């Protein structure tokens, strides 16, 4: 079963208040899997990032179904990646009037689904 990337449909979740490093470890598990398998994997993984990835995956499949007229049972996660977004910069008070910087990272999650072509 190969992936037909000509009919690729994607969804992007932007400015997610989560580290891209922590999101990538979940995305690596669902990349290349079918939609049904990816749903099962995401529901049983213990990470906080699974919720937003699940929401983005459902959005990508809804886009494929509504905009491209594709059948959800034939879809495969063809691309899944997380890019770093802008970091929120905060300061924590320390001893003797000093301030240490805290960076709260954000990320942009991109998921693309494509129909599996029968070879």
PDB file of N, CA and C in Angstrom:
ATOM      1  N   UNK A   1       0.840  -1.177   0.000  1.00  0.00           N
ATOM      2  CA  UNK A   1       0.000   0.000   0.000  1.00  0.00           C
ATOM      3  C   UNK A   1       0.887   1.245   0.000  1.00  0.00           C
ATOM      4  N   UNK A   2       0.812   2.044  -1.035  1.00  0.00           N
ATOM      5  CA  UNK A   2       1.594   3.266  -1.127  1.00  0.00           C
ATOM      6  C   UNK A   2       0.693   4.466  -0.855  1.00  0.00           C
ATOM      7  N   UNK A   3       1.329   5.595  -0.595  1.00  0.00           N
ATOM      8  CA  UNK A   3       0.577   6.809  -0.284  1.00  0.00           C
ATOM      9  C   UNK A   3       0.500   7.675  -1.538  1.00  0.00           C
ATOM     10  N   UNK A   4      -0.713   8.098  -1.875  1.00  0.00           N
ATOM     11  CA  UNK A   4      -0.943   8.969  -3.023  1.00  0.00           C
ATOM     12  C   UNK A   4      -0.874  10.417  -2.549  1.00  0.00           C
ATOM     13  N   UNK A   5       0.267  11.088  -2.752  1.00  0.00           N
ATOM     14  CA  UNK A   5       0.448  12.439  -2.213  1.00  0.00           C
ATOM     15  C   UNK A   5      -0.161  13.530  -3.094  1.00  0.00           C
ATOM     16  N   UNK A   6      -0.759  13.161  -4.229  1.00  0.00           N
ATOM     17  CA  UNK A   6      -1.375  14.188  -5.068  1.00  0.00           C
ATOM     18  C   UNK A   6      -2.670  14.712  -4.451  1.00  0.00           C
ATOM     19  N   UNK A   7      -3.385  13.845  -3.722  1.00  0.00           N
ATOM     20  CA  UNK A   7      -4.640  14.244  -3.085  1.00  0.00           C
ATOM     21  C   UNK A   7      -4.450  14.526  -1.600  1.00  0.00           C
ATOM     22  N   UNK A   8      -3.309  15.039  -1.234  1.00  0.00           N
ATOM     23  CA  UNK A   8      -3.010  15.273   0.177  1.00  0.00           C
ATOM     24  C   UNK A   8      -3.820  16.453   0.713  1.00  0.00           C
ATOM     25  N   UNK A   9      -4.414  16.270   1.878  1.00  0.00           N
ATOM     26  CA  UNK A   9      -5.201  17.310   2.538  1.00  0.00           C
ATOM     27  C   UNK A   9      -4.614  17.509   3.929  1.00  0.00           C
ATOM     28  N   UNK A  10      -4.484  18.774   4.362  1.00  0.00           N
ATOM     29  CA  UNK A  10      -3.828  18.989   5.647  1.00  0.00           C
ATOM     30  C   UNK A  10      -4.628  19.892   6.577  1.00  0.00           C
ATOM     31  N   UNK A  11      -4.223  19.870   7.827  1.00  0.00           N
ATOM     32  CA  UNK A  11      -4.778  20.745   8.862  1.00  0.00           C
ATOM     33  C   UNK A  11      -3.603  21.216   9.715  1.00  0.00           C
ATOM     34  N   UNK A  12      -3.672  22.471  10.164  1.00  0.00           N
ATOM     35  CA  UNK A  12      -2.586  23.063  10.944  1.00  0.00           C
ATOM     36  C   UNK A  12      -3.149  23.644  12.234  1.00  0.00           C
ATOM     37  N   UNK A  13      -2.547  23.256  13.346  1.00  0.00           N
ATOM     38  CA  UNK A  13      -2.876  23.863  14.642  1.00  0.00           C
ATOM     39  C   UNK A  13      -1.719  24.802  14.970  1.00  0.00           C
ATOM     40  N   UNK A  14      -2.003  26.083  15.085  1.00  0.00           N
ATOM     41  CA  UNK A  14      -0.927  27.052  15.278  1.00  0.00           C
ATOM     42  C   UNK A  14      -0.948  27.618  16.690  1.00  0.00           C
ATOM     43  N   UNK A  15       0.232  28.010  17.147  1.00  0.00           N
ATOM     44  CA  UNK A  15       0.438  28.645  18.459  1.00  0.00           C
ATOM     45  C   UNK A  15      -0.054  27.769  19.611  1.00  0.00           C
ATOM     46  N   UNK A  16       0.240  26.474  19.537  1.00  0.00           N
ATOM     47  CA  UNK A  16      -0.129  25.551  20.606  1.00  0.00           C
ATOM     48  C   UNK A  16       0.866  25.722  21.741  1.00  0.00           C
ATOM     49  N   UNK A  17       0.374  25.918  22.969  1.00  0.00           N
ATOM     50  CA  UNK A  17       1.248  26.184  24.117  1.00  0.00           C
ATOM     51  C   UNK A  17       1.861  24.880  24.634  1.00  0.00           C
ATOM     52  N   UNK A  18       2.780  24.354  23.846  1.00  0.00           N
ATOM     53  CA  UNK A  18       3.418  23.097  24.163  1.00  0.00           C
ATOM     54  C   UNK A  18       4.771  23.067  23.464  1.00  0.00           C
ATOM     55  N   UNK A  19       5.706  22.370  24.040  1.00  0.00           N
ATOM     56  CA  UNK A  19       7.030  22.264  23.447  1.00  0.00           C
ATOM     57  C   UNK A  19       6.978  21.403  22.179  1.00  0.00           C
ATOM     58  N   UNK A  20       7.596  21.851  21.087  1.00  0.00           N
ATOM     59  CA  UNK A  20       7.582  21.034  19.869  1.00  0.00           C
ATOM     60  C   UNK A  20       8.305  19.698  20.062  1.00  0.00           C
ATOM     61  N   UNK A  21       9.285  19.663  20.953  1.00  0.00           N
ATOM     62  CA  UNK A  21      10.017  18.427  21.237  1.00  0.00           C
ATOM     63  C   UNK A  21       9.085  17.366  21.810  1.00  0.00           C
ATOM     64  N   UNK A  22       8.188  17.769  22.700  1.00  0.00           N
ATOM     65  CA  UNK A  22       7.258  16.830  23.322  1.00  0.00           C
ATOM     66  C   UNK A  22       6.152  16.398  22.357  1.00  0.00           C
ATOM     67  N   UNK A  23       5.813  17.272  21.406  1.00  0.00           N
ATOM     68  CA  UNK A  23       4.775  16.939  20.423  1.00  0.00           C
ATOM     69  C   UNK A  23       5.333  15.959  19.393  1.00  0.00           C
ATOM     70  N   UNK A  24       6.612  16.123  19.032  1.00  0.00           N
ATOM     71  CA  UNK A  24       7.215  15.279  17.992  1.00  0.00           C
ATOM     72  C   UNK A  24       7.272  13.812  18.389  1.00  0.00           C
ATOM     73  N   UNK A  25       7.454  13.524  19.681  1.00  0.00           N
ATOM     74  CA  UNK A  25       7.540  12.122  20.096  1.00  0.00           C
ATOM     75  C   UNK A  25       6.218  11.396  19.878  1.00  0.00           C
ATOM     76  N   UNK A  26       5.103  12.119  19.886  1.00  0.00           N
ATOM     77  CA  UNK A  26       3.805  11.510  19.605  1.00  0.00           C
ATOM     78  C   UNK A  26       3.581  11.434  18.093  1.00  0.00           C
ATOM     79  N   UNK A  27       3.955  12.478  17.379  1.00  0.00           N
ATOM     80  CA  UNK A  27       3.769  12.490  15.925  1.00  0.00           C
ATOM     81  C   UNK A  27       4.565  11.375  15.251  1.00  0.00           C
ATOM     82  N   UNK A  28       5.732  11.043  15.807  1.00  0.00           N
ATOM     83  CA  UNK A  28       6.543   9.963  15.234  1.00  0.00           C
ATOM     84  C   UNK A  28       5.823   8.621  15.315  1.00  0.00           C
ATOM     85  N   UNK A  29       4.927   8.472  16.278  1.00  0.00           N
ATOM     86  CA  UNK A  29       4.205   7.209  16.448  1.00  0.00           C
ATOM     87  C   UNK A  29       3.057   7.037  15.455  1.00  0.00           C
ATOM     88  N   UNK A  30       2.485   8.150  14.963  1.00  0.00           N
ATOM     89  CA  UNK A  30       1.316   8.020  14.078  1.00  0.00           C
ATOM     90  C   UNK A  30       1.646   8.245  12.609  1.00  0.00           C
ATOM     91  N   UNK A  31       2.837   8.754  12.302  1.00  0.00           N
ATOM     92  CA  UNK A  31       3.205   9.013  10.912  1.00  0.00           C
ATOM     93  C   UNK A  31       3.221   7.707  10.118  1.00  0.00           C
ATOM     94  N   UNK A  32       2.497   7.662   8.992  1.00  0.00           N
ATOM     95  CA  UNK A  32       2.457   6.476   8.140  1.00  0.00           C
ATOM     96  C   UNK A  32       1.360   5.493   8.494  1.00  0.00           C
ATOM     97  N   UNK A  33       0.654   5.717   9.582  1.00  0.00           N
ATOM     98  CA  UNK A  33      -0.423   4.802   9.978  1.00  0.00           C
ATOM     99  C   UNK A  33      -1.743   5.215   9.326  1.00  0.00           C
ATOM    100  N   UNK A  34      -2.687   4.283   9.321  1.00  0.00           N
ATOM    101  CA  UNK A  34      -4.008   4.611   8.811  1.00  0.00           C
ATOM    102  C   UNK A  34      -4.732   5.493   9.826  1.00  0.00           C
ATOM    103  N   UNK A  35      -5.786   6.136   9.391  1.00  0.00           N
ATOM    104  CA  UNK A  35      -6.553   7.035  10.265  1.00  0.00           C
ATOM    105  C   UNK A  35      -7.085   6.285  11.480  1.00  0.00           C
ATOM    106  N   UNK A  36      -7.631   5.100  11.260  1.00  0.00           N
ATOM    107  CA  UNK A  36      -8.203   4.309  12.351  1.00  0.00           C
ATOM    108  C   UNK A  36      -7.135   3.898  13.371  1.00  0.00           C
ATOM    109  N   UNK A  37      -5.971   3.452  12.890  1.00  0.00           N
ATOM    110  CA  UNK A  37      -4.872   3.075  13.789  1.00  0.00           C
ATOM    111  C   UNK A  37      -4.372   4.274  14.578  1.00  0.00           C
ATOM    112  N   UNK A  38      -4.263   5.418  13.899  1.00  0.00           N
ATOM    113  CA  UNK A  38      -3.772   6.629  14.560  1.00  0.00           C
ATOM    114  C   UNK A  38      -4.721   7.059  15.678  1.00  0.00           C
ATOM    115  N   UNK A  39      -6.027   6.935  15.453  1.00  0.00           N
ATOM    116  CA  UNK A  39      -7.002   7.269  16.497  1.00  0.00           C
ATOM    117  C   UNK A  39      -6.806   6.395  17.727  1.00  0.00           C
ATOM    118  N   UNK A  40      -6.614   5.117  17.511  1.00  0.00           N
ATOM    119  CA  UNK A  40      -6.442   4.187  18.628  1.00  0.00           C
ATOM    120  C   UNK A  40      -5.156   4.494  19.392  1.00  0.00           C
ATOM    121  N   UNK A  41      -4.073   4.728  18.669  1.00  0.00           N
ATOM    122  CA  UNK A  41      -2.787   5.032  19.311  1.00  0.00           C
ATOM    123  C   UNK A  41      -2.900   6.304  20.145  1.00  0.00           C
ATOM    124  N   UNK A  42      -3.526   7.333  19.591  1.00  0.00           N
ATOM    125  CA  UNK A  42      -3.617   8.615  20.296  1.00  0.00           C
ATOM    126  C   UNK A  42      -4.502   8.527  21.541  1.00  0.00           C
ATOM    127  N   UNK A  43      -5.540   7.713  21.492  1.00  0.00           N
ATOM    128  CA  UNK A  43      -6.438   7.619  22.644  1.00  0.00           C
ATOM    129  C   UNK A  43      -5.796   6.925  23.833  1.00  0.00           C
ATOM    130  N   UNK A  44      -4.810   6.064  23.597  1.00  0.00           N
ATOM    131  CA  UNK A  44      -4.230   5.303  24.688  1.00  0.00           C
ATOM    132  C   UNK A  44      -2.824   5.740  25.076  1.00  0.00           C
ATOM    133  N   UNK A  45      -2.283   6.767  24.432  1.00  0.00           N
ATOM    134  CA  UNK A  45      -0.974   7.284  24.847  1.00  0.00           C
ATOM    135  C   UNK A  45      -1.171   8.241  26.020  1.00  0.00           C
ATOM    136  N   UNK A  46      -0.238   8.264  26.971  1.00  0.00           N
ATOM    137  CA  UNK A  46      -0.442   9.036  28.203  1.00  0.00           C
ATOM    138  C   UNK A  46      -0.009  10.502  28.139  1.00  0.00           C
ATOM    139  N   UNK A  47       0.290  11.022  26.954  1.00  0.00           N
ATOM    140  CA  UNK A  47       0.856  12.365  26.869  1.00  0.00           C
ATOM    141  C   UNK A  47      -0.217  13.427  26.679  1.00  0.00           C
ATOM    142  N   UNK A  48       0.061  14.627  27.199  1.00  0.00           N
ATOM    143  CA  UNK A  48      -0.877  15.740  27.097  1.00  0.00           C
ATOM    144  C   UNK A  48      -1.041  16.218  25.657  1.00  0.00           C
ATOM    145  N   UNK A  49       0.018  16.060  24.851  1.00  0.00           N
ATOM    146  CA  UNK A  49      -0.035  16.524  23.464  1.00  0.00           C
ATOM    147  C   UNK A  49      -0.980  15.694  22.600  1.00  0.00           C
ATOM    148  N   UNK A  50      -1.384  14.514  23.072  1.00  0.00           N
ATOM    149  CA  UNK A  50      -2.274  13.652  22.283  1.00  0.00           C
ATOM    150  C   UNK A  50      -3.623  14.317  22.009  1.00  0.00           C
ATOM    151  N   UNK A  51      -4.109  15.114  22.956  1.00  0.00           N
ATOM    152  CA  UNK A  51      -5.424  15.738  22.786  1.00  0.00           C
ATOM    153  C   UNK A  51      -5.446  16.698  21.606  1.00  0.00           C
ATOM    154  N   UNK A  52      -4.458  17.584  21.528  1.00  0.00           N
ATOM    155  CA  UNK A  52      -4.436  18.567  20.435  1.00  0.00           C
ATOM    156  C   UNK A  52      -4.098  17.896  19.105  1.00  0.00           C
ATOM    157  N   UNK A  53      -3.269  16.846  19.127  1.00  0.00           N
ATOM    158  CA  UNK A  53      -2.947  16.118  17.895  1.00  0.00           C
ATOM    159  C   UNK A  53      -4.185  15.385  17.392  1.00  0.00           C
ATOM    160  N   UNK A  54      -4.956  14.800  18.305  1.00  0.00           N
ATOM    161  CA  UNK A  54      -6.192  14.120  17.938  1.00  0.00           C
ATOM    162  C   UNK A  54      -7.177  15.098  17.299  1.00  0.00           C
ATOM    163  N   UNK A  55      -7.283  16.277  17.878  1.00  0.00           N
ATOM    164  CA  UNK A  55      -8.173  17.309  17.340  1.00  0.00           C
ATOM    165  C   UNK A  55      -7.735  17.746  15.940  1.00  0.00           C
ATOM    166  N   UNK A  56      -6.429  17.902  15.749  1.00  0.00           N
ATOM    167  CA  UNK A  56      -5.895  18.302  14.444  1.00  0.00           C
ATOM    168  C   UNK A  56      -6.082  17.193  13.416  1.00  0.00           C
ATOM    169  N   UNK A  57      -5.886  15.944  13.832  1.00  0.00           N
ATOM    170  CA  UNK A  57      -6.075  14.810  12.919  1.00  0.00           C
ATOM    171  C   UNK A  57      -7.531  14.718  12.462  1.00  0.00           C
ATOM    172  N   UNK A  58      -8.462  14.882  13.398  1.00  0.00           N
ATOM    173  CA  UNK A  58      -9.884  14.851  13.034  1.00  0.00           C
ATOM    174  C   UNK A  58     -10.235  15.994  12.091  1.00  0.00           C
ATOM    175  N   UNK A  59      -9.600  17.151  12.282  1.00  0.00           N
ATOM    176  CA  UNK A  59      -9.825  18.291  11.395  1.00  0.00           C
ATOM    177  C   UNK A  59      -9.311  18.001   9.992  1.00  0.00           C
ATOM    178  N   UNK A  60      -8.138  17.369   9.895  1.00  0.00           N
ATOM    179  CA  UNK A  60      -7.572  17.031   8.580  1.00  0.00           C
ATOM    180  C   UNK A  60      -8.465  16.036   7.847  1.00  0.00           C
ATOM    181  N   UNK A  61      -8.997  15.060   8.575  1.00  0.00           N
ATOM    182  CA  UNK A  61      -9.881  14.062   7.947  1.00  0.00           C
ATOM    183  C   UNK A  61     -11.205  14.706   7.539  1.00  0.00           C
ATOM    184  N   UNK A  62     -11.713  15.627   8.365  1.00  0.00           N
ATOM    185  CA  UNK A  62     -12.944  16.340   8.005  1.00  0.00           C
ATOM    186  C   UNK A  62     -12.723  17.194   6.761  1.00  0.00           C
ATOM    187  N   UNK A  63     -11.548  17.822   6.663  1.00  0.00           N
ATOM    188  CA  UNK A  63     -11.216  18.594   5.461  1.00  0.00           C
ATOM    189  C   UNK A  63     -11.167  17.688   4.234  1.00  0.00           C
ATOM    190  N   UNK A  64     -10.568  16.510   4.387  1.00  0.00           N
ATOM    191  CA  UNK A  64     -10.464  15.573   3.264  1.00  0.00           C
ATOM    192  C   UNK A  64     -11.838  15.084   2.826  1.00  0.00           C
ATOM    193  N   UNK A  65     -12.695  14.839   3.808  1.00  0.00           N
ATOM    194  CA  UNK A  65     -14.032  14.324   3.504  1.00  0.00           C
ATOM    195  C   UNK A  65     -14.907  15.404   2.868  1.00  0.00           C
ATOM    196  N   UNK A  66     -14.865  16.595   3.432  1.00  0.00           N
ATOM    197  CA  UNK A  66     -15.758  17.653   2.974  1.00  0.00           C
ATOM    198  C   UNK A  66     -15.246  18.364   1.724  1.00  0.00           C
ATOM    199  N   UNK A  67     -13.962  18.709   1.722  1.00  0.00           N
ATOM    200  CA  UNK A  67     -13.422  19.518   0.616  1.00  0.00           C
ATOM    201  C   UNK A  67     -12.974  18.686  -0.577  1.00  0.00           C
ATOM    202  N   UNK A  68     -12.415  17.485  -0.317  1.00  0.00           N
ATOM    203  CA  UNK A  68     -11.879  16.680  -1.414  1.00  0.00           C
ATOM    204  C   UNK A  68     -12.744  15.458  -1.720  1.00  0.00           C
ATOM    205  N   UNK A  69     -13.763  15.189  -0.900  1.00  0.00           N
ATOM    206  CA  UNK A  69     -14.646  14.062  -1.141  1.00  0.00           C
ATOM    207  C   UNK A  69     -13.991  12.705  -0.965  1.00  0.00           C
ATOM    208  N   UNK A  70     -13.026  12.600  -0.057  1.00  0.00           N
ATOM    209  CA  UNK A  70     -12.319  11.340   0.163  1.00  0.00           C
ATOM    210  C   UNK A  70     -12.996  10.526   1.264  1.00  0.00           C
ATOM    211  N   UNK A  71     -12.823   9.211   1.198  1.00  0.00           N
ATOM    212  CA  UNK A  71     -13.406   8.308   2.189  1.00  0.00           C
ATOM    213  C   UNK A  71     -12.447   8.188   3.382  1.00  0.00           C
ATOM    214  N   UNK A  72     -12.895   8.464   4.618  1.00  0.00           N
ATOM    215  CA  UNK A  72     -12.008   8.415   5.783  1.00  0.00           C
ATOM    216  C   UNK A  72     -11.378   7.050   6.045  1.00  0.00           C
ATOM    217  N   UNK A  73     -12.035   5.973   5.623  1.00  0.00           N
ATOM    218  CA  UNK A  73     -11.493   4.638   5.890  1.00  0.00           C
ATOM    219  C   UNK A  73     -10.253   4.326   5.051  1.00  0.00           C
ATOM    220  N   UNK A  74     -10.020   5.099   3.971  1.00  0.00           N
ATOM    221  CA  UNK A  74      -8.858   4.844   3.110  1.00  0.00           C
ATOM    222  C   UNK A  74      -7.689   5.775   3.403  1.00  0.00           C
ATOM    223  N   UNK A  75      -7.855   6.689   4.367  1.00  0.00           N
ATOM    224  CA  UNK A  75      -6.835   7.725   4.586  1.00  0.00           C
ATOM    225  C   UNK A  75      -5.678   7.236   5.456  1.00  0.00           C
ATOM    226  N   UNK A  76      -4.497   7.742   5.122  1.00  0.00           N
ATOM    227  CA  UNK A  76      -3.265   7.444   5.859  1.00  0.00           C
ATOM    228  C   UNK A  76      -2.622   8.774   6.243  1.00  0.00           C
ATOM    229  N   UNK A  77      -2.016   8.830   7.425  1.00  0.00           N
ATOM    230  CA  UNK A  77      -1.307  10.034   7.862  1.00  0.00           C
ATOM    231  C   UNK A  77      -0.004  10.099   7.063  1.00  0.00           C
ATOM    232  N   UNK A  78       0.037  10.957   6.050  1.00  0.00           N
ATOM    233  CA  UNK A  78       1.200  11.010   5.167  1.00  0.00           C
ATOM    234  C   UNK A  78       2.298  11.913   5.709  1.00  0.00           C
ATOM    235  N   UNK A  79       1.926  13.014   6.322  1.00  0.00           N
ATOM    236  CA  UNK A  79       2.916  13.922   6.907  1.00  0.00           C
ATOM    237  C   UNK A  79       2.449  14.324   8.298  1.00  0.00           C
ATOM    238  N   UNK A  80       3.393  14.403   9.216  1.00  0.00           N
ATOM    239  CA  UNK A  80       3.090  14.843  10.570  1.00  0.00           C
ATOM    240  C   UNK A  80       4.349  15.471  11.137  1.00  0.00           C
ATOM    241  N   UNK A  81       4.303  16.776  11.368  1.00  0.00           N
ATOM    242  CA  UNK A  81       5.471  17.438  11.943  1.00  0.00           C
ATOM    243  C   UNK A  81       5.059  18.618  12.796  1.00  0.00           C
ATOM    244  N   UNK A  82       5.970  19.013  13.682  1.00  0.00           N
ATOM    245  CA  UNK A  82       5.734  20.139  14.587  1.00  0.00           C
ATOM    246  C   UNK A  82       6.899  21.108  14.463  1.00  0.00           C
ATOM    247  N   UNK A  83       6.606  22.324  14.106  1.00  0.00           N
ATOM    248  CA  UNK A  83       7.610  23.384  14.022  1.00  0.00           C
ATOM    249  C   UNK A  83       7.503  24.263  15.260  1.00  0.00           C
ATOM    250  N   UNK A  84       8.601  24.856  15.640  1.00  0.00           N
ATOM    251  CA  UNK A  84       8.593  25.757  16.786  1.00  0.00           C
ATOM    252  C   UNK A  84       7.901  27.065  16.457  1.00  0.00           C
ATOM    253  N   UNK A  85       7.124  27.565  17.380  1.00  0.00           N
ATOM    254  CA  UNK A  85       6.491  28.872  17.236  1.00  0.00           C
ATOM    255  C   UNK A  85       7.213  29.878  18.107  1.00  0.00           C
ATOM    256  N   UNK A  86       6.667  31.054  18.270  1.00  0.00           N
ATOM    257  CA  UNK A  86       7.312  32.048  19.122  1.00  0.00           C
ATOM    258  C   UNK A  86       7.228  31.645  20.595  1.00  0.00           C
ATOM    259  N   UNK A  87       8.275  31.929  21.347  1.00  0.00           N
ATOM    260  CA  UNK A  87       8.285  31.605  22.771  1.00  0.00           C
ATOM    261  C   UNK A  87       7.771  32.786  23.574  1.00  0.00           C
ATOM    262  N   UNK A  88       6.949  32.505  24.585  1.00  0.00           N
ATOM    263  CA  UNK A  88       6.509  33.535  25.514  1.00  0.00           C
ATOM    264  C   UNK A  88       7.631  33.717  26.529  1.00  0.00           C
ATOM    265  N   UNK A  89       8.055  34.938  26.725  1.00  0.00           N
ATOM    266  CA  UNK A  89       9.169  35.194  27.631  1.00  0.00           C
ATOM    267  C   UNK A  89       8.641  35.744  28.949  1.00  0.00           C
ATOM    268  N   UNK A  90       8.948  35.047  30.024  1.00  0.00           N
ATOM    269  CA  UNK A  90       8.512  35.435  31.361  1.00  0.00           C
ATOM    270  C   UNK A  90       9.733  35.510  32.268  1.00  0.00           C
ATOM    271  N   UNK A  91       9.569  36.155  33.421  1.00  0.00           N
ATOM    272  CA  UNK A  91      10.678  36.273  34.366  1.00  0.00           C
ATOM    273  C   UNK A  91      10.270  35.731  35.716  1.00  0.00           C
ATOM    274  N   UNK A  92      11.196  35.041  36.363  1.00  0.00           N
ATOM    275  CA  UNK A  92      10.987  34.525  37.707  1.00  0.00           C
ATOM    276  C   UNK A  92      11.898  35.274  38.661  1.00  0.00           C
ATOM    277  N   UNK A  93      11.341  35.742  39.752  1.00  0.00           N
ATOM    278  CA  UNK A  93      12.123  36.467  40.748  1.00  0.00           C
ATOM    279  C   UNK A  93      13.085  35.515  41.438  1.00  0.00           C
ATOM    280  N   UNK A  94      14.342  35.967  41.601  1.00  0.00           N
ATOM    281  CA  UNK A  94      15.358  35.177  42.280  1.00  0.00           C
ATOM    282  C   UNK A  94      15.941  36.003  43.434  1.00  0.00           C
ATOM    283  N   UNK A  95      16.891  35.445  44.093  1.00  0.00           N
ATOM    284  CA  UNK A  95      17.458  36.096  45.280  1.00  0.00           C
ATOM    285  C   UNK A  95      18.183  37.393  44.925  1.00  0.00           C
ATOM    286  N   UNK A  96      18.177  38.324  45.867  1.00  0.00           N
ATOM    287  CA  UNK A  96      18.914  39.586  45.796  1.00  0.00           C
ATOM    288  C   UNK A  96      18.499  40.435  44.593  1.00  0.00           C
ATOM    289  N   UNK A  97      17.215  40.422  44.261  1.00  0.00           N
ATOM    290  CA  UNK A  97      16.690  41.302  43.220  1.00  0.00           C
ATOM    291  C   UNK A  97      16.968  40.869  41.801  1.00  0.00           C
ATOM    292  N   UNK A  98      17.459  39.678  41.622  1.00  0.00           N
ATOM    293  CA  UNK A  98      17.732  39.199  40.260  1.00  0.00           C
ATOM    294  C   UNK A  98      16.456  38.610  39.652  1.00  0.00           C
ATOM    295  N   UNK A  99      16.493  38.472  38.334  1.00  0.00           N
ATOM    296  CA  UNK A  99      15.364  37.857  37.618  1.00  0.00           C
ATOM    297  C   UNK A  99      15.928  36.877  36.602  1.00  0.00           C
ATOM    298  N   UNK A 100      15.400  35.671  36.589  1.00  0.00           N
ATOM    299  CA  UNK A 100      15.796  34.664  35.611  1.00  0.00           C
ATOM    300  C   UNK A 100      14.696  34.544  34.570  1.00  0.00           C
ATOM    301  N   UNK A 101      15.134  34.425  33.320  1.00  0.00           N
ATOM    302  CA  UNK A 101      14.165  34.328  32.227  1.00  0.00           C
ATOM    303  C   UNK A 101      13.603  32.908  32.127  1.00  0.00           C
ATOM    304  N   UNK A 102      12.302  32.814  31.889  1.00  0.00           N
ATOM    305  CA  UNK A 102      11.628  31.540  31.617  1.00  0.00           C
ATOM    306  C   UNK A 102      11.037  31.655  30.222  1.00  0.00           C
ATOM    307  N   UNK A 103      11.333  30.669  29.376  1.00  0.00           N
ATOM    308  CA  UNK A 103      10.757  30.651  28.033  1.00  0.00           C
ATOM    309  C   UNK A 103       9.656  29.598  27.986  1.00  0.00           C
ATOM    310  N   UNK A 104       8.461  30.017  27.612  1.00  0.00           N
ATOM    311  CA  UNK A 104       7.340  29.098  27.474  1.00  0.00           C
ATOM    312  C   UNK A 104       7.126  28.866  25.978  1.00  0.00           C
ATOM    313  N   UNK A 105       7.555  27.714  25.474  1.00  0.00           N
ATOM    314  CA  UNK A 105       7.543  27.496  24.028  1.00  0.00           C
ATOM    315  C   UNK A 105       6.141  27.241  23.472  1.00  0.00           C
ATOM    316  N   UNK A 106       5.969  27.590  22.201  1.00  0.00           N
ATOM    317  CA  UNK A 106       4.751  27.257  21.459  1.00  0.00           C
ATOM    318  C   UNK A 106       5.174  26.489  20.208  1.00  0.00           C
ATOM    319  N   UNK A 107       4.215  25.838  19.553  1.00  0.00           N
ATOM    320  CA  UNK A 107       4.544  25.111  18.335  1.00  0.00           C
ATOM    321  C   UNK A 107       3.375  25.155  17.355  1.00  0.00           C
ATOM    322  N   UNK A 108       3.692  24.853  16.117  1.00  0.00           N
ATOM    323  CA  UNK A 108       2.703  24.738  15.049  1.00  0.00           C
ATOM    324  C   UNK A 108       2.689  23.274  14.612  1.00  0.00           C
ATOM    325  N   UNK A 109       1.532  22.611  14.732  1.00  0.00           N
ATOM    326  CA  UNK A 109       1.408  21.193  14.382  1.00  0.00           C
ATOM    327  C   UNK A 109       0.748  21.085  13.011  1.00  0.00           C
ATOM    328  N   UNK A 110       1.400  20.385  12.080  1.00  0.00           N
ATOM    329  CA  UNK A 110       0.853  20.171  10.745  1.00  0.00           C
ATOM    330  C   UNK A 110       0.649  18.682  10.525  1.00  0.00           C
ATOM    331  N   UNK A 111      -0.574  18.314  10.151  1.00  0.00           N
ATOM    332  CA  UNK A 111      -0.909  16.928   9.835  1.00  0.00           C
ATOM    333  C   UNK A 111      -1.499  16.870   8.433  1.00  0.00           C
ATOM    334  N   UNK A 112      -1.007  15.962   7.621  1.00  0.00           N
ATOM    335  CA  UNK A 112      -1.550  15.788   6.276  1.00  0.00           C
ATOM    336  C   UNK A 112      -2.003  14.342   6.112  1.00  0.00           C
ATOM    337  N   UNK A 113      -3.160  14.170   5.516  1.00  0.00           N
ATOM    338  CA  UNK A 113      -3.674  12.833   5.237  1.00  0.00           C
ATOM    339  C   UNK A 113      -3.839  12.676   3.734  1.00  0.00           C
ATOM    340  N   UNK A 114      -3.629  11.454   3.265  1.00  0.00           N
ATOM    341  CA  UNK A 114      -3.747  11.158   1.840  1.00  0.00           C
ATOM    342  C   UNK A 114      -4.353   9.767   1.686  1.00  0.00           C
ATOM    343  N   UNK A 115      -5.063   9.530   0.595  1.00  0.00           N
ATOM    344  CA  UNK A 115      -5.626   8.188   0.390  1.00  0.00           C
ATOM    345  C   UNK A 115      -4.527   7.185   0.062  1.00  0.00           C
ATOM    346  N   UNK A 116      -4.709   5.978   0.534  1.00  0.00           N
ATOM    347  CA  UNK A 116      -3.754   4.896   0.220  1.00  0.00           C
ATOM    348  C   UNK A 116      -4.063   4.375  -1.171  1.00  0.00           C
ATOM    349  N   UNK A 117      -3.065   4.349  -2.035  1.00  0.00           N
ATOM    350  CA  UNK A 117      -3.276   3.838  -3.384  1.00  0.00           C
ATOM    351  C   UNK A 117      -2.972   2.350  -3.392  1.00  0.00           C
ATOM    352  N   UNK A 118      -3.831   1.578  -4.007  1.00  0.00           N
ATOM    353  CA  UNK A 118      -3.654   0.129  -4.068  1.00  0.00           C
ATOM    354  C   UNK A 118      -2.687  -0.197  -5.199  1.00  0.00           C
ATOM    355  N   UNK A 119      -1.610  -0.905  -4.863  1.00  0.00           N
ATOM    356  CA  UNK A 119      -0.619  -1.280  -5.881  1.00  0.00           C
ATOM    357  C   UNK A 119      -0.679  -2.747  -6.192  1.00  0.00           C
TER     358      UNK A 119
END
